[in-house]
Amino acid sequence: MTWSLAPDVSATETDDGMVLLQETTGRYWMLNDTGATMVRLLRQGKDVQDIVDELTTRFPQDATRIAADVGVLLEQLAQARLVTT
């Protein structure tokens, strides 16, 4: 399954990661560098497995947690209506 940012969400890079702004509500979310990497990959059209593979390559010591963490973050972003399928 491929995810993308919702049409009313803009992303801005920061020194520590990324900020997502939901333009219709004015609410924003701050992502750390790993969360920002995930969103960057989503914006490139990568699917969940591609994201897990990329993060596992970058952080092999955390391979067992990465798939779960990606799933949790996607669920949170979906509940906040920041991403769509």
PDB file of N, CA and C in Angstrom:
ATOM      1  N   MET A   1       0.838  -1.169   0.000  1.00  0.00           N
ATOM      2  CA  MET A   1       0.000   0.000   0.000  1.00  0.00           C
ATOM      3  C   MET A   1       0.889   1.241   0.000  1.00  0.00           C
ATOM      4  N   THR A   2       0.508   2.197  -0.824  1.00  0.00           N
ATOM      5  CA  THR A   2       1.254   3.445  -0.908  1.00  0.00           C
ATOM      6  C   THR A   2       0.479   4.548  -0.202  1.00  0.00           C
ATOM      7  N   TRP A   3       1.194   5.326   0.578  1.00  0.00           N
ATOM      8  CA  TRP A   3       0.624   6.439   1.319  1.00  0.00           C
ATOM      9  C   TRP A   3       1.164   7.744   0.756  1.00  0.00           C
ATOM     10  N   SER A   4       0.429   8.823   0.968  1.00  0.00           N
ATOM     11  CA  SER A   4       0.930  10.145   0.588  1.00  0.00           C
ATOM     12  C   SER A   4       0.396  11.165   1.585  1.00  0.00           C
ATOM     13  N   LEU A   5       1.013  12.343   1.587  1.00  0.00           N
ATOM     14  CA  LEU A   5       0.497  13.411   2.440  1.00  0.00           C
ATOM     15  C   LEU A   5      -0.878  13.818   1.952  1.00  0.00           C
ATOM     16  N   ALA A   6      -1.747  14.156   2.877  1.00  0.00           N
ATOM     17  CA  ALA A   6      -3.067  14.648   2.515  1.00  0.00           C
ATOM     18  C   ALA A   6      -2.909  15.960   1.736  1.00  0.00           C
ATOM     19  N   PRO A   7      -3.867  16.279   0.871  1.00  0.00           N
ATOM     20  CA  PRO A   7      -3.738  17.485   0.047  1.00  0.00           C
ATOM     21  C   PRO A   7      -3.609  18.786   0.835  1.00  0.00           C
ATOM     22  N   ASP A   8      -4.135  18.820   2.047  1.00  0.00           N
ATOM     23  CA  ASP A   8      -4.085  20.051   2.842  1.00  0.00           C
ATOM     24  C   ASP A   8      -2.913  20.083   3.818  1.00  0.00           C
ATOM     25  N   VAL A   9      -1.927  19.209   3.603  1.00  0.00           N
ATOM     26  CA  VAL A   9      -0.767  19.131   4.499  1.00  0.00           C
ATOM     27  C   VAL A   9       0.485  19.577   3.740  1.00  0.00           C
ATOM     28  N   SER A  10       1.220  20.476   4.368  1.00  0.00           N
ATOM     29  CA  SER A  10       2.509  20.882   3.807  1.00  0.00           C
ATOM     30  C   SER A  10       3.613  20.435   4.762  1.00  0.00           C
ATOM     31  N   ALA A  11       4.787  20.208   4.195  1.00  0.00           N
ATOM     32  CA  ALA A  11       5.926  19.729   4.972  1.00  0.00           C
ATOM     33  C   ALA A  11       7.068  20.718   4.820  1.00  0.00           C
ATOM     34  N   THR A  12       7.712  21.018   5.953  1.00  0.00           N
ATOM     35  CA  THR A  12       8.855  21.920   5.958  1.00  0.00           C
ATOM     36  C   THR A  12       9.999  21.252   6.701  1.00  0.00           C
ATOM     37  N   GLU A  13      11.162  21.220   6.054  1.00  0.00           N
ATOM     38  CA  GLU A  13      12.350  20.652   6.685  1.00  0.00           C
ATOM     39  C   GLU A  13      12.834  21.586   7.791  1.00  0.00           C
ATOM     40  N   THR A  14      13.341  20.986   8.872  1.00  0.00           N
ATOM     41  CA  THR A  14      13.943  21.747   9.968  1.00  0.00           C
ATOM     42  C   THR A  14      15.325  21.154  10.254  1.00  0.00           C
ATOM     43  N   ASP A  15      16.062  21.794  11.137  1.00  0.00           N
ATOM     44  CA  ASP A  15      17.372  21.267  11.511  1.00  0.00           C
ATOM     45  C   ASP A  15      17.267  19.905  12.187  1.00  0.00           C
ATOM     46  N   ASP A  16      16.166  19.656  12.884  1.00  0.00           N
ATOM     47  CA  ASP A  16      16.001  18.428  13.653  1.00  0.00           C
ATOM     48  C   ASP A  16      15.094  17.402  12.993  1.00  0.00           C
ATOM     49  N   GLY A  17      14.507  17.718  11.852  1.00  0.00           N
ATOM     50  CA  GLY A  17      13.580  16.793  11.212  1.00  0.00           C
ATOM     51  C   GLY A  17      12.661  17.492  10.240  1.00  0.00           C
ATOM     52  N   MET A  18      11.375  17.568  10.606  1.00  0.00           N
ATOM     53  CA  MET A  18      10.372  18.119   9.705  1.00  0.00           C
ATOM     54  C   MET A  18       9.157  18.561  10.513  1.00  0.00           C
ATOM     55  N   VAL A  19       8.463  19.564   9.992  1.00  0.00           N
ATOM     56  CA  VAL A  19       7.189  20.001  10.557  1.00  0.00           C
ATOM     57  C   VAL A  19       6.124  19.785   9.500  1.00  0.00           C
ATOM     58  N   LEU A  20       5.029  19.154   9.904  1.00  0.00           N
ATOM     59  CA  LEU A  20       3.872  18.985   9.034  1.00  0.00           C
ATOM     60  C   LEU A  20       2.803  19.967   9.484  1.00  0.00           C
ATOM     61  N   LEU A  21       2.244  20.726   8.556  1.00  0.00           N
ATOM     62  CA  LEU A  21       1.195  21.695   8.853  1.00  0.00           C
ATOM     63  C   LEU A  21      -0.073  21.275   8.136  1.00  0.00           C
ATOM     64  N   GLN A  22      -1.130  21.087   8.898  1.00  0.00           N
ATOM     65  CA  GLN A  22      -2.440  20.826   8.309  1.00  0.00           C
ATOM     66  C   GLN A  22      -3.087  22.186   8.097  1.00  0.00           C
ATOM     67  N   GLU A  23      -3.070  22.639   6.859  1.00  0.00           N
ATOM     68  CA  GLU A  23      -3.443  24.009   6.531  1.00  0.00           C
ATOM     69  C   GLU A  23      -4.899  24.342   6.848  1.00  0.00           C
ATOM     70  N   THR A  24      -5.797  23.371   6.789  1.00  0.00           N
ATOM     71  CA  THR A  24      -7.206  23.656   7.050  1.00  0.00           C
ATOM     72  C   THR A  24      -7.503  23.878   8.530  1.00  0.00           C
ATOM     73  N   THR A  25      -6.679  23.314   9.407  1.00  0.00           N
ATOM     74  CA  THR A  25      -6.921  23.460  10.841  1.00  0.00           C
ATOM     75  C   THR A  25      -5.883  24.330  11.532  1.00  0.00           C
ATOM     76  N   GLY A  26      -4.727  24.517  10.890  1.00  0.00           N
ATOM     77  CA  GLY A  26      -3.639  25.264  11.512  1.00  0.00           C
ATOM     78  C   GLY A  26      -2.836  24.453  12.507  1.00  0.00           C
ATOM     79  N   ARG A  27      -3.146  23.178  12.637  1.00  0.00           N
ATOM     80  CA  ARG A  27      -2.396  22.317  13.557  1.00  0.00           C
ATOM     81  C   ARG A  27      -1.116  21.852  12.885  1.00  0.00           C
ATOM     82  N   TYR A  28      -0.081  21.671  13.690  1.00  0.00           N
ATOM     83  CA  TYR A  28       1.179  21.192  13.142  1.00  0.00           C
ATOM     84  C   TYR A  28       1.770  20.103  14.019  1.00  0.00           C
ATOM     85  N   TRP A  29       2.608  19.291  13.398  1.00  0.00           N
ATOM     86  CA  TRP A  29       3.260  18.172  14.054  1.00  0.00           C
ATOM     87  C   TRP A  29       4.740  18.228  13.743  1.00  0.00           C
ATOM     88  N   MET A  30       5.539  17.986  14.751  1.00  0.00           N
ATOM     89  CA  MET A  30       6.984  17.972  14.578  1.00  0.00           C
ATOM     90  C   MET A  30       7.457  16.525  14.524  1.00  0.00           C
ATOM     91  N   LEU A  31       8.273  16.221  13.530  1.00  0.00           N
ATOM     92  CA  LEU A  31       8.832  14.886  13.376  1.00  0.00           C
ATOM     93  C   LEU A  31      10.341  14.933  13.591  1.00  0.00           C
ATOM     94  N   ASN A  32      10.856  13.916  14.250  1.00  0.00           N
ATOM     95  CA  ASN A  32      12.310  13.825  14.392  1.00  0.00           C
ATOM     96  C   ASN A  32      12.906  13.403  13.054  1.00  0.00           C
ATOM     97  N   ASP A  33      14.214  13.242  13.006  1.00  0.00           N
ATOM     98  CA  ASP A  33      14.887  12.936  11.748  1.00  0.00           C
ATOM     99  C   ASP A  33      14.401  11.627  11.135  1.00  0.00           C
ATOM    100  N   THR A  34      14.163  10.625  11.948  1.00  0.00           N
ATOM    101  CA  THR A  34      13.706   9.341  11.423  1.00  0.00           C
ATOM    102  C   THR A  34      12.293   9.451  10.867  1.00  0.00           C
ATOM    103  N   GLY A  35      11.405  10.136  11.580  1.00  0.00           N
ATOM    104  CA  GLY A  35      10.060  10.364  11.074  1.00  0.00           C
ATOM    105  C   GLY A  35      10.076  11.182   9.794  1.00  0.00           C
ATOM    106  N   ALA A  36      10.962  12.169   9.740  1.00  0.00           N
ATOM    107  CA  ALA A  36      11.101  12.995   8.538  1.00  0.00           C
ATOM    108  C   ALA A  36      11.582  12.154   7.361  1.00  0.00           C
ATOM    109  N   THR A  37      12.504  11.241   7.620  1.00  0.00           N
ATOM    110  CA  THR A  37      12.979  10.351   6.557  1.00  0.00           C
ATOM    111  C   THR A  37      11.825   9.527   6.020  1.00  0.00           C
ATOM    112  N   MET A  38      10.977   9.029   6.905  1.00  0.00           N
ATOM    113  CA  MET A  38       9.835   8.249   6.472  1.00  0.00           C
ATOM    114  C   MET A  38       8.912   9.084   5.581  1.00  0.00           C
ATOM    115  N   VAL A  39       8.632  10.311   5.979  1.00  0.00           N
ATOM    116  CA  VAL A  39       7.752  11.176   5.181  1.00  0.00           C
ATOM    117  C   VAL A  39       8.407  11.518   3.843  1.00  0.00           C
ATOM    118  N   ARG A  40       9.702  11.764   3.832  1.00  0.00           N
ATOM    119  CA  ARG A  40      10.397  12.027   2.566  1.00  0.00           C
ATOM    120  C   ARG A  40      10.221  10.847   1.605  1.00  0.00           C
ATOM    121  N   LEU A  41      10.376   9.644   2.138  1.00  0.00           N
ATOM    122  CA  LEU A  41      10.226   8.456   1.306  1.00  0.00           C
ATOM    123  C   LEU A  41       8.788   8.296   0.825  1.00  0.00           C
ATOM    124  N   LEU A  42       7.819   8.613   1.671  1.00  0.00           N
ATOM    125  CA  LEU A  42       6.413   8.596   1.246  1.00  0.00           C
ATOM    126  C   LEU A  42       6.196   9.559   0.088  1.00  0.00           C
ATOM    127  N   ARG A  43       6.776  10.741   0.205  1.00  0.00           N
ATOM    128  CA  ARG A  43       6.615  11.760  -0.834  1.00  0.00           C
ATOM    129  C   ARG A  43       7.275  11.346  -2.142  1.00  0.00           C
ATOM    130  N   GLN A  44       8.235  10.420  -2.077  1.00  0.00           N
ATOM    131  CA  GLN A  44       8.882   9.889  -3.273  1.00  0.00           C
ATOM    132  C   GLN A  44       8.083   8.730  -3.876  1.00  0.00           C
ATOM    133  N   GLY A  45       6.955   8.387  -3.256  1.00  0.00           N
ATOM    134  CA  GLY A  45       6.112   7.313  -3.764  1.00  0.00           C
ATOM    135  C   GLY A  45       6.490   5.928  -3.290  1.00  0.00           C
ATOM    136  N   LYS A  46       7.346   5.844  -2.270  1.00  0.00           N
ATOM    137  CA  LYS A  46       7.768   4.550  -1.742  1.00  0.00           C
ATOM    138  C   LYS A  46       6.621   3.926  -0.945  1.00  0.00           C
ATOM    139  N   ASP A  47       6.527   2.594  -1.009  1.00  0.00           N
ATOM    140  CA  ASP A  47       5.519   1.920  -0.190  1.00  0.00           C
ATOM    141  C   ASP A  47       6.116   1.573   1.171  1.00  0.00           C
ATOM    142  N   VAL A  48       5.291   1.005   2.031  1.00  0.00           N
ATOM    143  CA  VAL A  48       5.703   0.740   3.410  1.00  0.00           C
ATOM    144  C   VAL A  48       6.930  -0.173   3.454  1.00  0.00           C
ATOM    145  N   GLN A  49       6.953  -1.219   2.650  1.00  0.00           N
ATOM    146  CA  GLN A  49       8.095  -2.134   2.674  1.00  0.00           C
ATOM    147  C   GLN A  49       9.376  -1.441   2.216  1.00  0.00           C
ATOM    148  N   ASP A  50       9.274  -0.573   1.216  1.00  0.00           N
ATOM    149  CA  ASP A  50      10.451   0.188   0.777  1.00  0.00           C
ATOM    150  C   ASP A  50      10.988   1.060   1.909  1.00  0.00           C
ATOM    151  N   ILE A  51      10.076   1.665   2.658  1.00  0.00           N
ATOM    152  CA  ILE A  51      10.475   2.524   3.773  1.00  0.00           C
ATOM    153  C   ILE A  51      11.161   1.698   4.854  1.00  0.00           C
ATOM    154  N   VAL A  52      10.574   0.566   5.190  1.00  0.00           N
ATOM    155  CA  VAL A  52      11.176  -0.325   6.196  1.00  0.00           C
ATOM    156  C   VAL A  52      12.561  -0.770   5.733  1.00  0.00           C
ATOM    157  N   ASP A  53      12.682  -1.140   4.476  1.00  0.00           N
ATOM    158  CA  ASP A  53      13.980  -1.587   3.949  1.00  0.00           C
ATOM    159  C   ASP A  53      15.020  -0.470   4.024  1.00  0.00           C
ATOM    160  N   GLU A  54      14.640   0.745   3.642  1.00  0.00           N
ATOM    161  CA  GLU A  54      15.568   1.878   3.666  1.00  0.00           C
ATOM    162  C   GLU A  54      16.016   2.176   5.095  1.00  0.00           C
ATOM    163  N   LEU A  55      15.071   2.221   6.029  1.00  0.00           N
ATOM    164  CA  LEU A  55      15.425   2.517   7.420  1.00  0.00           C
ATOM    165  C   LEU A  55      16.260   1.396   8.037  1.00  0.00           C
ATOM    166  N   THR A  56      15.987   0.153   7.651  1.00  0.00           N
ATOM    167  CA  THR A  56      16.778  -0.972   8.158  1.00  0.00           C
ATOM    168  C   THR A  56      18.211  -0.881   7.653  1.00  0.00           C
ATOM    169  N   THR A  57      18.386  -0.413   6.419  1.00  0.00           N
ATOM    170  CA  THR A  57      19.735  -0.213   5.885  1.00  0.00           C
ATOM    171  C   THR A  57      20.472   0.867   6.675  1.00  0.00           C
ATOM    172  N   ARG A  58      19.760   1.937   7.014  1.00  0.00           N
ATOM    173  CA  ARG A  58      20.372   3.048   7.748  1.00  0.00           C
ATOM    174  C   ARG A  58      20.630   2.712   9.214  1.00  0.00           C
ATOM    175  N   PHE A  59      19.725   1.927   9.807  1.00  0.00           N
ATOM    176  CA  PHE A  59      19.799   1.622  11.237  1.00  0.00           C
ATOM    177  C   PHE A  59      19.699   0.111  11.463  1.00  0.00           C
ATOM    178  N   PRO A  60      20.694  -0.675  11.038  1.00  0.00           N
ATOM    179  CA  PRO A  60      20.590  -2.135  11.144  1.00  0.00           C
ATOM    180  C   PRO A  60      20.473  -2.643  12.578  1.00  0.00           C
ATOM    181  N   GLN A  61      20.972  -1.889  13.531  1.00  0.00           N
ATOM    182  CA  GLN A  61      20.888  -2.319  14.926  1.00  0.00           C
ATOM    183  C   GLN A  61      19.440  -2.290  15.445  1.00  0.00           C
ATOM    184  N   ASP A  62      18.559  -1.577  14.760  1.00  0.00           N
ATOM    185  CA  ASP A  62      17.162  -1.463  15.186  1.00  0.00           C
ATOM    186  C   ASP A  62      16.200  -2.200  14.269  1.00  0.00           C
ATOM    187  N   ALA A  63      16.693  -3.135  13.495  1.00  0.00           N
ATOM    188  CA  ALA A  63      15.890  -3.800  12.471  1.00  0.00           C
ATOM    189  C   ALA A  63      14.609  -4.423  13.015  1.00  0.00           C
ATOM    190  N   THR A  64      14.657  -4.964  14.217  1.00  0.00           N
ATOM    191  CA  THR A  64      13.474  -5.633  14.759  1.00  0.00           C
ATOM    192  C   THR A  64      12.366  -4.657  15.121  1.00  0.00           C
ATOM    193  N   ARG A  65      12.708  -3.405  15.379  1.00  0.00           N
ATOM    194  CA  ARG A  65      11.707  -2.413  15.777  1.00  0.00           C
ATOM    195  C   ARG A  65      11.188  -1.574  14.623  1.00  0.00           C
ATOM    196  N   ILE A  66      11.919  -1.523  13.542  1.00  0.00           N
ATOM    197  CA  ILE A  66      11.614  -0.562  12.486  1.00  0.00           C
ATOM    198  C   ILE A  66      10.237  -0.788  11.875  1.00  0.00           C
ATOM    199  N   ALA A  67       9.899  -2.001  11.505  1.00  0.00           N
ATOM    200  CA  ALA A  67       8.603  -2.262  10.882  1.00  0.00           C
ATOM    201  C   ALA A  67       7.464  -1.843  11.805  1.00  0.00           C
ATOM    202  N   ALA A  68       7.584  -2.179  13.081  1.00  0.00           N
ATOM    203  CA  ALA A  68       6.541  -1.798  14.039  1.00  0.00           C
ATOM    204  C   ALA A  68       6.462  -0.290  14.190  1.00  0.00           C
ATOM    205  N   ASP A  69       7.619   0.365  14.280  1.00  0.00           N
ATOM    206  CA  ASP A  69       7.638   1.822  14.445  1.00  0.00           C
ATOM    207  C   ASP A  69       7.052   2.535  13.229  1.00  0.00           C
ATOM    208  N   VAL A  70       7.367   2.054  12.030  1.00  0.00           N
ATOM    209  CA  VAL A  70       6.798   2.651  10.814  1.00  0.00           C
ATOM    210  C   VAL A  70       5.279   2.485  10.832  1.00  0.00           C
ATOM    211  N   GLY A  71       4.813   1.313  11.204  1.00  0.00           N
ATOM    212  CA  GLY A  71       3.373   1.075  11.275  1.00  0.00           C
ATOM    213  C   GLY A  71       2.680   1.985  12.274  1.00  0.00           C
ATOM    214  N   VAL A  72       3.283   2.164  13.439  1.00  0.00           N
ATOM    215  CA  VAL A  72       2.701   3.021  14.471  1.00  0.00           C
ATOM    216  C   VAL A  72       2.650   4.475  13.995  1.00  0.00           C
ATOM    217  N   LEU A  73       3.743   4.955  13.409  1.00  0.00           N
ATOM    218  CA  LEU A  73       3.756   6.342  12.949  1.00  0.00           C
ATOM    219  C   LEU A  73       2.743   6.558  11.833  1.00  0.00           C
ATOM    220  N   LEU A  74       2.642   5.627  10.893  1.00  0.00           N
ATOM    221  CA  LEU A  74       1.641   5.761   9.833  1.00  0.00           C
ATOM    222  C   LEU A  74       0.226   5.786  10.397  1.00  0.00           C
ATOM    223  N   GLU A  75      -0.023   4.941  11.387  1.00  0.00           N
ATOM    224  CA  GLU A  75      -1.345   4.916  12.024  1.00  0.00           C
ATOM    225  C   GLU A  75      -1.646   6.257  12.693  1.00  0.00           C
ATOM    226  N   GLN A  76      -0.673   6.814  13.383  1.00  0.00           N
ATOM    227  CA  GLN A  76      -0.866   8.104  14.040  1.00  0.00           C
ATOM    228  C   GLN A  76      -1.084   9.223  13.016  1.00  0.00           C
ATOM    229  N   LEU A  77      -0.316   9.209  11.943  1.00  0.00           N
ATOM    230  CA  LEU A  77      -0.476  10.219  10.895  1.00  0.00           C
ATOM    231  C   LEU A  77      -1.839  10.075  10.214  1.00  0.00           C
ATOM    232  N   ALA A  78      -2.288   8.842  10.018  1.00  0.00           N
ATOM    233  CA  ALA A  78      -3.600   8.607   9.400  1.00  0.00           C
ATOM    234  C   ALA A  78      -4.722   9.073  10.319  1.00  0.00           C
ATOM    235  N   GLN A  79      -4.616   8.795  11.613  1.00  0.00           N
ATOM    236  CA  GLN A  79      -5.640   9.236  12.558  1.00  0.00           C
ATOM    237  C   GLN A  79      -5.721  10.755  12.618  1.00  0.00           C
ATOM    238  N   ALA A  80      -4.587  11.413  12.439  1.00  0.00           N
ATOM    239  CA  ALA A  80      -4.549  12.876  12.444  1.00  0.00           C
ATOM    240  C   ALA A  80      -4.930  13.449  11.070  1.00  0.00           C
ATOM    241  N   ARG A  81      -5.209  12.560  10.115  1.00  0.00           N
ATOM    242  CA  ARG A  81      -5.590  12.924   8.750  1.00  0.00           C
ATOM    243  C   ARG A  81      -4.493  13.712   8.023  1.00  0.00           C
ATOM    244  N   LEU A  82      -3.254  13.299   8.303  1.00  0.00           N
ATOM    245  CA  LEU A  82      -2.108  13.924   7.645  1.00  0.00           C
ATOM    246  C   LEU A  82      -1.669  13.130   6.416  1.00  0.00           C
ATOM    247  N   VAL A  83      -2.036  11.853   6.357  1.00  0.00           N
ATOM    248  CA  VAL A  83      -1.702  11.010   5.207  1.00  0.00           C
ATOM    249  C   VAL A  83      -2.950  10.300   4.715  1.00  0.00           C
ATOM    250  N   THR A  84      -2.894   9.914   3.454  1.00  0.00           N
ATOM    251  CA  THR A  84      -3.985   9.151   2.834  1.00  0.00           C
ATOM    252  C   THR A  84      -3.379   8.016   2.038  1.00  0.00           C
ATOM    253  N   THR A  85      -4.215   7.034   1.703  1.00  0.00           N
ATOM    254  CA  THR A  85      -3.754   5.929   0.865  1.00  0.00           C
ATOM    255  C   THR A  85      -4.132   6.192  -0.570  1.00  0.00           C
TER     256      THR A  85
END
